[in-house]
């Protein structure tokens, strides 16, 4: 298994009540958070550290409130290199 650092900017557009989102790598739930920052158009940078086997993996941001918010993952970096939501660990 390889120590893997993943950084991702999680953008959120929301109104009224703060929405909730979940972060998965593959099928493993890593965290569930309320997006509580004051502005309705803002982002935070998530820093994720996991141990992964070699091969393809996928980062997923799941919106728990799709009726009142939109989450957009952006600027995904895996071990210091730009990546997409699907990425390869050698």
Protein backbone atom coordinates (compact mmCIF):
# COMPACT_ATOMS: atom_id res chain seq x y z
CA UNK A 1 0.00 0.00 0.00
CA UNK A 2 1.17 3.50 -0.82
CA UNK A 3 0.72 6.57 1.37
CA UNK A 4 -1.32 8.91 -0.84
CA UNK A 5 -2.09 12.61 -0.37
CA UNK A 6 -5.13 14.00 -2.16
CA UNK A 7 -6.03 17.70 -2.21
CA UNK A 8 -9.29 18.91 -3.72
CA UNK A 9 -11.11 22.24 -3.71
CA UNK A 10 -14.76 21.60 -2.85
CA UNK A 11 -16.92 24.42 -4.23
CA UNK A 12 -20.49 24.79 -3.05
CA UNK A 13 -23.45 26.85 -4.25
CA UNK A 14 -26.21 26.85 -1.64
CA UNK A 15 -28.99 28.85 -0.05
CA UNK A 16 -30.82 28.74 3.27
CA UNK A 17 -29.64 25.75 5.34
CA UNK A 18 -26.01 24.60 5.12
CA UNK A 19 -25.82 21.43 3.00
CA UNK A 20 -24.02 18.20 3.85
CA UNK A 21 -21.50 16.33 1.70
CA UNK A 22 -19.57 13.08 1.94
CA UNK A 23 -16.08 12.28 0.67
CA UNK A 24 -15.28 8.79 -0.57
CA UNK A 25 -12.15 7.23 -2.03
CA UNK A 26 -13.37 4.23 -3.97
CA UNK A 27 -16.18 2.83 -1.79
CA UNK A 28 -14.73 3.94 1.55
CA UNK A 29 -16.48 6.80 3.31
CA UNK A 30 -13.81 9.10 4.74
CA UNK A 31 -15.89 11.95 6.15
CA UNK A 32 -19.26 13.67 6.19
CA UNK A 33 -19.33 17.43 6.69
CA UNK A 34 -21.75 20.32 6.90
CA UNK A 35 -20.73 23.13 4.54
CA UNK A 36 -21.13 25.91 7.11
CA UNK A 37 -19.06 28.77 5.70
CA UNK A 38 -20.86 32.12 5.64
CA UNK A 39 -21.06 32.77 1.93
CA UNK A 40 -23.30 30.78 -0.40
CA UNK A 41 -20.58 30.66 -3.10
CA UNK A 42 -17.38 29.46 -1.53
CA UNK A 43 -14.90 26.59 -1.39
CA UNK A 44 -12.65 24.80 1.02
CA UNK A 45 -9.59 22.70 0.28
CA UNK A 46 -9.83 19.17 1.59
CA UNK A 47 -6.54 17.44 2.39
CA UNK A 48 -6.96 13.67 2.44
CA UNK A 49 -4.29 11.14 3.42
CA UNK A 50 -4.96 7.46 2.71
CA UNK A 51 -3.06 4.24 2.00
CA UNK A 52 -3.97 2.78 -1.40
CA UNK A 53 -3.04 -0.32 -3.34
CA UNK A 54 -1.51 0.19 -6.80
CA UNK A 55 -4.12 0.65 -9.52
CA UNK A 56 -7.00 2.94 -10.42
CA UNK A 57 -8.95 4.76 -7.70
CA UNK A 58 -11.78 7.26 -7.61
CA UNK A 59 -12.46 10.32 -5.44
CA UNK A 60 -16.16 11.05 -4.98
CA UNK A 61 -17.89 14.06 -3.44
CA UNK A 62 -21.50 13.08 -2.69
CA UNK A 63 -24.13 15.74 -2.16
CA UNK A 64 -26.52 14.73 0.63
CA UNK A 65 -28.88 17.63 -0.18
CA UNK A 66 -29.20 17.77 -4.00
CA UNK A 67 -32.43 19.75 -3.76
CA UNK A 68 -30.76 22.75 -2.12
CA UNK A 69 -27.06 22.71 -3.04
CA UNK A 70 -24.51 21.94 -5.73
CA UNK A 71 -21.00 20.68 -4.95
CA UNK A 72 -18.20 20.95 -7.51
CA UNK A 73 -14.81 19.29 -6.95
CA UNK A 74 -11.98 21.23 -8.62
CA UNK A 75 -8.16 21.35 -8.68
CA UNK A 76 -7.61 17.72 -7.71
CA UNK A 77 -3.97 16.97 -6.84
CA UNK A 78 -2.71 13.47 -5.99
CA UNK A 79 0.79 13.19 -4.48
CA UNK A 80 1.70 16.65 -5.79
CA UNK A 81 0.55 16.12 -9.41
CA UNK A 82 -2.63 17.33 -11.08
CA UNK A 83 -5.21 14.56 -11.45
CA UNK A 84 -8.83 13.85 -12.20
CA UNK A 85 -11.41 12.21 -9.98
CA UNK A 86 -10.15 8.85 -11.33
CA UNK A 87 -6.42 8.48 -10.73
CA UNK A 88 -3.69 5.85 -10.92
CA UNK A 89 -1.40 4.84 -8.07
CA UNK A 90 1.73 2.99 -9.21
